[in-house]
Amino acid sequence: MYHMLQVVRTLVSPLNSSQVTLSCQRSIKSCSILQCLCNLLMANGIPAETLTEVIAAVSESMRGCLENQEYFASVTVPSDPPRY
C-alpha cells in the first residue's frame, strides 16, 4: 500500500512539469484512484503512517486541479446514524 501511494505522489509531484502533473491528476480521477483514496481517508482503523501518506497523496492529487478539488468537496464523512 505504501509503495502504491508513493507512485501516486510521484506522478502528481510539483517537481514534474505542470502539464504532466495535471494530466496525471486527471487520470487519477478518471481511473477512480482519487475515490479510493478518499474512501481510505474516511475508513476506520487505518494505521497512522498509512493515513499520513493517503492525506499527502490526496492533497497532491488536488493541488491546482479544480476538477479534483470539486470532487473532494463532494466527499461526505460517514456517520452513524446517517445525517441528512
N, C-alpha and C. Protein backbone atom coordinates (compact mmCIF):
# COMPACT_ATOMS: atom_id res chain seq x y z
N MET A 1 0.83 -1.19 0.00
CA MET A 1 0.00 0.00 0.00
C MET A 1 0.87 1.25 0.00
N TYR A 2 1.88 1.22 0.85
CA TYR A 2 2.77 2.38 0.97
C TYR A 2 3.42 2.70 -0.38
N HIS A 3 3.86 1.69 -1.09
CA HIS A 3 4.54 1.90 -2.37
C HIS A 3 3.57 2.42 -3.43
N MET A 4 2.33 1.96 -3.41
CA MET A 4 1.33 2.46 -4.34
C MET A 4 1.08 3.95 -4.11
N LEU A 5 1.02 4.33 -2.85
CA LEU A 5 0.83 5.75 -2.52
C LEU A 5 2.03 6.58 -2.98
N GLN A 6 3.22 6.01 -2.87
CA GLN A 6 4.41 6.71 -3.34
C GLN A 6 4.38 6.91 -4.85
N VAL A 7 3.87 5.93 -5.58
CA VAL A 7 3.74 6.06 -7.04
C VAL A 7 2.78 7.19 -7.37
N VAL A 8 1.64 7.23 -6.69
CA VAL A 8 0.66 8.30 -6.93
C VAL A 8 1.30 9.65 -6.65
N ARG A 9 1.99 9.76 -5.53
CA ARG A 9 2.62 11.04 -5.17
C ARG A 9 3.70 11.44 -6.17
N THR A 10 4.41 10.48 -6.72
CA THR A 10 5.43 10.77 -7.72
C THR A 10 4.80 11.29 -9.00
N LEU A 11 3.68 10.69 -9.40
CA LEU A 11 3.00 11.12 -10.62
C LEU A 11 2.49 12.55 -10.54
N VAL A 12 2.04 12.97 -9.36
CA VAL A 12 1.45 14.30 -9.21
C VAL A 12 2.38 15.28 -8.49
N SER A 13 3.64 14.94 -8.44
CA SER A 13 4.62 15.78 -7.75
C SER A 13 4.73 17.16 -8.41
N PRO A 14 4.86 18.21 -7.61
CA PRO A 14 5.06 19.54 -8.18
C PRO A 14 6.42 19.69 -8.86
N LEU A 15 7.29 18.71 -8.70
CA LEU A 15 8.58 18.75 -9.38
C LEU A 15 8.47 18.39 -10.85
N ASN A 16 7.36 17.73 -11.23
CA ASN A 16 7.10 17.43 -12.64
C ASN A 16 6.65 18.71 -13.33
N SER A 17 6.66 18.69 -14.65
CA SER A 17 6.13 19.85 -15.36
C SER A 17 4.64 19.95 -15.07
N SER A 18 4.10 21.15 -15.13
CA SER A 18 2.69 21.34 -14.79
C SER A 18 1.77 20.57 -15.72
N GLN A 19 2.17 20.41 -16.98
CA GLN A 19 1.34 19.65 -17.92
C GLN A 19 1.27 18.18 -17.54
N VAL A 20 2.41 17.63 -17.16
CA VAL A 20 2.46 16.22 -16.75
C VAL A 20 1.65 16.02 -15.47
N THR A 21 1.84 16.90 -14.51
CA THR A 21 1.12 16.79 -13.24
C THR A 21 -0.38 16.87 -13.46
N LEU A 22 -0.84 17.84 -14.23
CA LEU A 22 -2.28 17.99 -14.47
C LEU A 22 -2.85 16.78 -15.20
N SER A 23 -2.12 16.26 -16.15
CA SER A 23 -2.56 15.06 -16.86
C SER A 23 -2.68 13.88 -15.91
N CYS A 24 -1.70 13.71 -15.04
CA CYS A 24 -1.74 12.62 -14.07
C CYS A 24 -2.88 12.81 -13.07
N GLN A 25 -3.12 14.05 -12.65
CA GLN A 25 -4.22 14.32 -11.73
C GLN A 25 -5.56 13.95 -12.36
N ARG A 26 -5.74 14.29 -13.62
CA ARG A 26 -6.98 13.96 -14.32
C ARG A 26 -7.12 12.44 -14.47
N SER A 27 -6.02 11.77 -14.76
CA SER A 27 -6.06 10.31 -14.89
C SER A 27 -6.38 9.64 -13.57
N ILE A 28 -5.84 10.16 -12.49
CA ILE A 28 -6.11 9.60 -11.17
C ILE A 28 -7.59 9.70 -10.84
N LYS A 29 -8.23 10.79 -11.24
CA LYS A 29 -9.67 10.94 -11.02
C LYS A 29 -10.45 10.01 -11.94
N SER A 30 -10.10 9.98 -13.22
CA SER A 30 -10.88 9.19 -14.18
C SER A 30 -10.75 7.68 -13.93
N CYS A 31 -9.68 7.24 -13.33
CA CYS A 31 -9.48 5.82 -13.01
C CYS A 31 -10.03 5.45 -11.63
N SER A 32 -10.68 6.40 -10.97
CA SER A 32 -11.28 6.21 -9.63
C SER A 32 -10.26 6.01 -8.52
N ILE A 33 -9.00 6.32 -8.79
CA ILE A 33 -8.00 6.22 -7.72
C ILE A 33 -8.27 7.27 -6.65
N LEU A 34 -8.67 8.48 -7.07
CA LEU A 34 -8.97 9.52 -6.10
C LEU A 34 -10.14 9.10 -5.21
N GLN A 35 -11.14 8.47 -5.79
CA GLN A 35 -12.27 7.98 -5.00
C GLN A 35 -11.81 6.95 -3.97
N CYS A 36 -10.95 6.03 -4.38
CA CYS A 36 -10.43 5.02 -3.45
C CYS A 36 -9.62 5.67 -2.33
N LEU A 37 -8.82 6.66 -2.68
CA LEU A 37 -8.03 7.36 -1.66
C LEU A 37 -8.94 8.09 -0.67
N CYS A 38 -10.00 8.71 -1.19
CA CYS A 38 -10.94 9.40 -0.30
C CYS A 38 -11.67 8.41 0.60
N ASN A 39 -11.98 7.23 0.07
CA ASN A 39 -12.60 6.19 0.90
C ASN A 39 -11.66 5.77 2.02
N LEU A 40 -10.37 5.68 1.72
CA LEU A 40 -9.39 5.35 2.76
C LEU A 40 -9.32 6.44 3.82
N LEU A 41 -9.44 7.68 3.39
CA LEU A 41 -9.43 8.79 4.36
C LEU A 41 -10.54 8.66 5.38
N MET A 42 -11.69 8.16 4.92
CA MET A 42 -12.87 8.09 5.78
C MET A 42 -13.00 6.75 6.50
N ALA A 43 -12.11 5.81 6.23
CA ALA A 43 -12.20 4.48 6.83
C ALA A 43 -11.67 4.48 8.26
N ASN A 44 -12.17 3.57 9.05
CA ASN A 44 -11.69 3.39 10.43
C ASN A 44 -10.55 2.38 10.45
N GLY A 45 -9.66 2.54 11.41
CA GLY A 45 -8.63 1.55 11.64
C GLY A 45 -7.42 1.62 10.72
N ILE A 46 -7.26 2.71 9.98
CA ILE A 46 -6.10 2.86 9.11
C ILE A 46 -4.91 3.27 9.98
N PRO A 47 -3.79 2.58 9.88
CA PRO A 47 -2.61 2.97 10.68
C PRO A 47 -2.18 4.41 10.38
N ALA A 48 -1.66 5.07 11.39
CA ALA A 48 -1.31 6.49 11.28
C ALA A 48 -0.34 6.77 10.14
N GLU A 49 0.66 5.93 9.96
CA GLU A 49 1.64 6.16 8.89
C GLU A 49 0.99 6.07 7.51
N THR A 50 0.12 5.10 7.34
CA THR A 50 -0.59 4.95 6.06
C THR A 50 -1.54 6.11 5.84
N LEU A 51 -2.25 6.50 6.88
CA LEU A 51 -3.18 7.62 6.77
C LEU A 51 -2.45 8.91 6.40
N THR A 52 -1.27 9.10 6.94
CA THR A 52 -0.47 10.27 6.61
C THR A 52 -0.13 10.28 5.12
N GLU A 53 0.25 9.14 4.60
CA GLU A 53 0.57 9.04 3.17
C GLU A 53 -0.67 9.24 2.30
N VAL A 54 -1.81 8.73 2.74
CA VAL A 54 -3.05 8.91 1.99
C VAL A 54 -3.42 10.39 1.94
N ILE A 55 -3.30 11.08 3.06
CA ILE A 55 -3.60 12.51 3.11
C ILE A 55 -2.70 13.28 2.15
N ALA A 56 -1.42 12.95 2.16
CA ALA A 56 -0.48 13.62 1.25
C ALA A 56 -0.81 13.32 -0.21
N ALA A 57 -1.15 12.08 -0.52
CA ALA A 57 -1.48 11.70 -1.90
C ALA A 57 -2.74 12.41 -2.37
N VAL A 58 -3.75 12.49 -1.51
CA VAL A 58 -4.99 13.19 -1.88
C VAL A 58 -4.71 14.67 -2.09
N SER A 59 -3.98 15.27 -1.18
CA SER A 59 -3.72 16.72 -1.30
C SER A 59 -2.91 17.03 -2.56
N GLU A 60 -1.94 16.20 -2.87
CA GLU A 60 -1.14 16.44 -4.08
C GLU A 60 -1.93 16.14 -5.34
N SER A 61 -2.91 15.25 -5.24
CA SER A 61 -3.77 14.96 -6.39
C SER A 61 -4.74 16.10 -6.66
N MET A 62 -4.97 16.94 -5.67
CA MET A 62 -5.90 18.07 -5.82
C MET A 62 -5.19 19.39 -6.13
N ARG A 63 -3.92 19.49 -5.81
CA ARG A 63 -3.20 20.75 -5.96
C ARG A 63 -3.32 21.28 -7.39
N GLY A 64 -3.96 22.43 -7.54
CA GLY A 64 -4.06 23.08 -8.84
C GLY A 64 -5.01 22.43 -9.82
N CYS A 65 -5.80 21.47 -9.38
CA CYS A 65 -6.73 20.76 -10.27
C CYS A 65 -8.16 20.98 -9.76
N LEU A 66 -8.85 21.91 -10.38
CA LEU A 66 -10.20 22.28 -9.93
C LEU A 66 -11.15 21.08 -9.95
N GLU A 67 -11.06 20.24 -10.96
CA GLU A 67 -11.95 19.07 -11.07
C GLU A 67 -11.80 18.16 -9.85
N ASN A 68 -10.57 17.90 -9.44
CA ASN A 68 -10.33 17.04 -8.28
C ASN A 68 -10.73 17.74 -6.98
N GLN A 69 -10.56 19.04 -6.92
CA GLN A 69 -10.98 19.80 -5.75
C GLN A 69 -12.49 19.76 -5.59
N GLU A 70 -13.21 19.86 -6.71
CA GLU A 70 -14.66 19.78 -6.67
C GLU A 70 -15.12 18.39 -6.23
N TYR A 71 -14.43 17.37 -6.71
CA TYR A 71 -14.78 16.01 -6.29
C TYR A 71 -14.59 15.88 -4.77
N PHE A 72 -13.45 16.35 -4.28
CA PHE A 72 -13.17 16.23 -2.85
C PHE A 72 -14.20 17.00 -2.03
N ALA A 73 -14.66 18.12 -2.53
CA ALA A 73 -15.67 18.91 -1.82
C ALA A 73 -16.98 18.14 -1.68
N SER A 74 -17.22 17.19 -2.60
CA SER A 74 -18.47 16.42 -2.55
C SER A 74 -18.37 15.19 -1.64
N VAL A 75 -17.18 14.87 -1.16
CA VAL A 75 -17.00 13.71 -0.30
C VAL A 75 -17.63 14.00 1.06
N THR A 76 -18.42 13.05 1.55
CA THR A 76 -19.05 13.22 2.85
C THR A 76 -18.49 12.22 3.85
N VAL A 77 -18.45 12.64 5.08
CA VAL A 77 -17.96 11.79 6.16
C VAL A 77 -19.08 10.85 6.56
N PRO A 78 -18.81 9.55 6.60
CA PRO A 78 -19.86 8.62 7.01
C PRO A 78 -20.20 8.84 8.49
N SER A 79 -21.48 8.79 8.78
CA SER A 79 -21.88 8.95 10.17
C SER A 79 -22.89 7.87 10.51
N ASP A 80 -22.97 7.55 11.77
CA ASP A 80 -23.89 6.52 12.21
C ASP A 80 -24.71 7.08 13.37
N PRO A 81 -25.96 7.32 13.27
CA PRO A 81 -26.82 7.11 12.12
C PRO A 81 -26.57 8.15 11.03
N PRO A 82 -27.00 7.86 9.78
CA PRO A 82 -26.79 8.81 8.69
C PRO A 82 -27.49 10.13 8.96
N ARG A 83 -26.84 11.21 8.59
CA ARG A 83 -27.42 12.55 8.75
C ARG A 83 -27.83 13.07 7.39
N TYR A 84 -28.99 13.71 7.36
CA TYR A 84 -29.48 14.26 6.10
C TYR A 84 -29.60 15.75 6.17
